[in-house]
Amino acid sequence: MLQDCWEETVAAKTVKPVECGVGCLLQIYPLEVSSQLIRLTDSKTPVGREQSCGLCLPDASVSRRHALIELVNNEYQVSDLGSTNGTMVNECRLTSAVLKPGDRLQFGSFIFKFLST
């Protein structure tokens, strides 16, 4: 009877690698009800307090030109641009880093989660 419930395991088929999709940031602090996914559609996204930045964060804890997120060889990278408070990835202050899905980025008092396919 129990033997009827068991099925043989079948080997998985080879799956094509997923091509790099559009990266996204999700603001997780400060939490706002209107927070939406921020799509990184440009190959370079400047982050800072200046209105000209692709990701404008109007807060004194963020430098005018704080960081740069860019797509290089199908990988997203973040680079600090000499900001006063630094750029943090997973709570470590870094000058630059390759981003992985789930990484936490901090620019001043703003914290984001990096998402990508």
Protein backbone atom coordinates (compact mmCIF):
# COMPACT_ATOMS: atom_id res chain seq x y z
CA MET A 1 0.00 0.00 0.00
CA LEU A 2 2.71 2.48 0.96
CA GLN A 3 4.71 1.34 -2.03
CA ASP A 4 2.03 2.76 -4.30
CA CYS A 5 2.69 6.28 -2.91
CA TRP A 6 6.40 6.30 -3.69
CA GLU A 7 7.57 7.46 -7.08
CA GLU A 8 11.02 7.24 -8.53
CA THR A 9 13.09 10.43 -8.52
CA VAL A 10 13.69 11.77 -12.00
CA ALA A 11 16.83 13.71 -12.91
CA ALA A 12 16.25 17.42 -13.51
CA LYS A 13 16.50 18.71 -17.04
CA THR A 14 19.24 21.17 -17.86
CA VAL A 15 17.98 24.69 -17.39
CA LYS A 16 19.29 27.60 -19.41
CA PRO A 17 20.95 30.26 -17.27
CA VAL A 18 18.77 33.25 -16.55
CA GLU A 19 19.91 36.35 -18.36
CA CYS A 20 20.56 39.41 -16.27
CA GLY A 21 17.30 41.18 -15.59
CA VAL A 22 16.61 44.66 -14.41
CA GLY A 23 17.84 45.25 -10.90
CA CYS A 24 15.53 46.84 -8.36
CA LEU A 25 15.85 48.49 -4.99
CA LEU A 26 13.20 48.25 -2.31
CA GLN A 27 13.34 50.93 0.39
CA ILE A 28 13.11 49.20 3.77
CA TYR A 29 14.07 52.12 6.04
CA PRO A 30 12.61 54.56 6.69
CA LEU A 31 9.53 52.53 5.87
CA GLU A 32 6.97 54.44 3.88
CA VAL A 33 3.54 53.13 2.94
CA SER A 34 4.05 54.42 -0.60
CA SER A 35 7.41 52.63 -1.04
CA GLN A 36 7.59 50.99 -4.44
CA LEU A 37 10.26 49.09 -6.30
CA ILE A 38 12.86 51.40 -7.77
CA ARG A 39 13.88 49.93 -11.11
CA LEU A 40 17.49 50.43 -12.17
CA THR A 41 16.76 50.87 -15.86
CA ASP A 42 19.83 52.95 -16.75
CA SER A 43 23.31 51.47 -16.99
CA LYS A 44 24.42 54.10 -14.45
CA THR A 45 22.27 55.37 -11.57
CA PRO A 46 23.77 58.16 -9.48
CA VAL A 47 22.57 58.22 -5.85
CA GLY A 48 22.54 61.41 -3.83
CA ARG A 49 20.77 64.47 -2.54
CA GLU A 50 20.99 66.38 -5.85
CA GLN A 51 17.78 66.47 -7.87
CA SER A 52 19.75 65.37 -10.95
CA CYS A 53 20.53 61.98 -9.35
CA GLY A 54 18.66 58.96 -10.68
CA LEU A 55 17.95 58.02 -7.06
CA CYS A 56 17.41 61.31 -5.20
CA LEU A 57 17.39 60.95 -1.40
CA PRO A 58 16.57 64.37 0.08
CA ASP A 59 18.17 64.02 3.51
CA ALA A 60 21.17 65.71 5.16
CA SER A 61 22.73 62.28 5.91
CA VAL A 62 23.15 61.71 2.15
CA SER A 63 25.88 63.53 0.22
CA ARG A 64 24.98 65.52 -2.90
CA ARG A 65 26.70 62.88 -5.08
CA HIS A 66 26.84 59.94 -2.68
CA ALA A 67 27.26 56.77 -4.77
CA LEU A 68 26.90 55.25 -8.21
CA ILE A 69 25.08 52.01 -9.07
CA GLU A 70 26.06 50.68 -12.48
CA LEU A 71 25.57 47.62 -14.63
CA VAL A 72 28.97 46.24 -15.71
CA ASN A 73 29.36 42.88 -17.49
CA ASN A 74 25.83 41.82 -16.46
CA GLU A 75 26.55 42.57 -12.78
CA TYR A 76 25.35 45.48 -10.70
CA GLN A 77 28.07 47.30 -8.80
CA VAL A 78 27.86 50.09 -6.26
CA SER A 79 30.69 52.59 -5.74
CA ASP A 80 30.95 55.25 -3.07
CA LEU A 81 31.79 58.68 -4.51
CA GLY A 82 33.69 59.96 -1.46
CA SER A 83 30.55 60.55 0.57
CA THR A 84 30.76 61.85 4.14
CA ASN A 85 28.81 58.98 5.73
CA GLY A 86 29.98 56.23 3.38
CA THR A 87 28.14 53.55 1.46
CA MET A 88 27.32 50.36 3.33
CA VAL A 89 26.64 46.94 1.83
CA ASN A 90 25.39 44.39 4.36
CA GLU A 91 26.50 46.70 7.19
CA CYS A 92 30.11 46.96 5.91
CA ARG A 93 31.45 50.31 4.72
CA LEU A 94 32.92 49.79 1.26
CA THR A 95 34.34 51.86 -1.57
CA SER A 96 32.82 49.49 -4.15
CA ALA A 97 31.11 46.10 -4.31
CA VAL A 98 29.37 43.75 -6.72
CA LEU A 99 25.74 43.43 -5.65
CA LYS A 100 23.98 40.13 -5.08
CA PRO A 101 20.22 39.64 -4.72
CA GLY A 102 19.23 40.25 -1.11
CA ASP A 103 22.11 42.64 -0.33
CA ARG A 104 21.27 45.56 1.96
CA LEU A 105 22.54 48.94 0.80
CA GLN A 106 22.72 51.97 3.05
CA PHE A 107 23.16 55.56 1.88
CA GLY A 108 23.04 57.87 4.91
CA SER A 109 19.92 56.98 6.88
CA PHE A 110 18.24 55.21 3.93
CA ILE A 111 18.38 51.41 3.70
CA PHE A 112 17.44 49.44 0.58
CA LYS A 113 17.30 45.77 -0.35
CA PHE A 114 18.76 44.90 -3.77
CA LEU A 115 16.62 42.60 -5.90
CA SER A 116 17.51 41.13 -9.29
CA THR A 117 16.61 38.17 -11.48
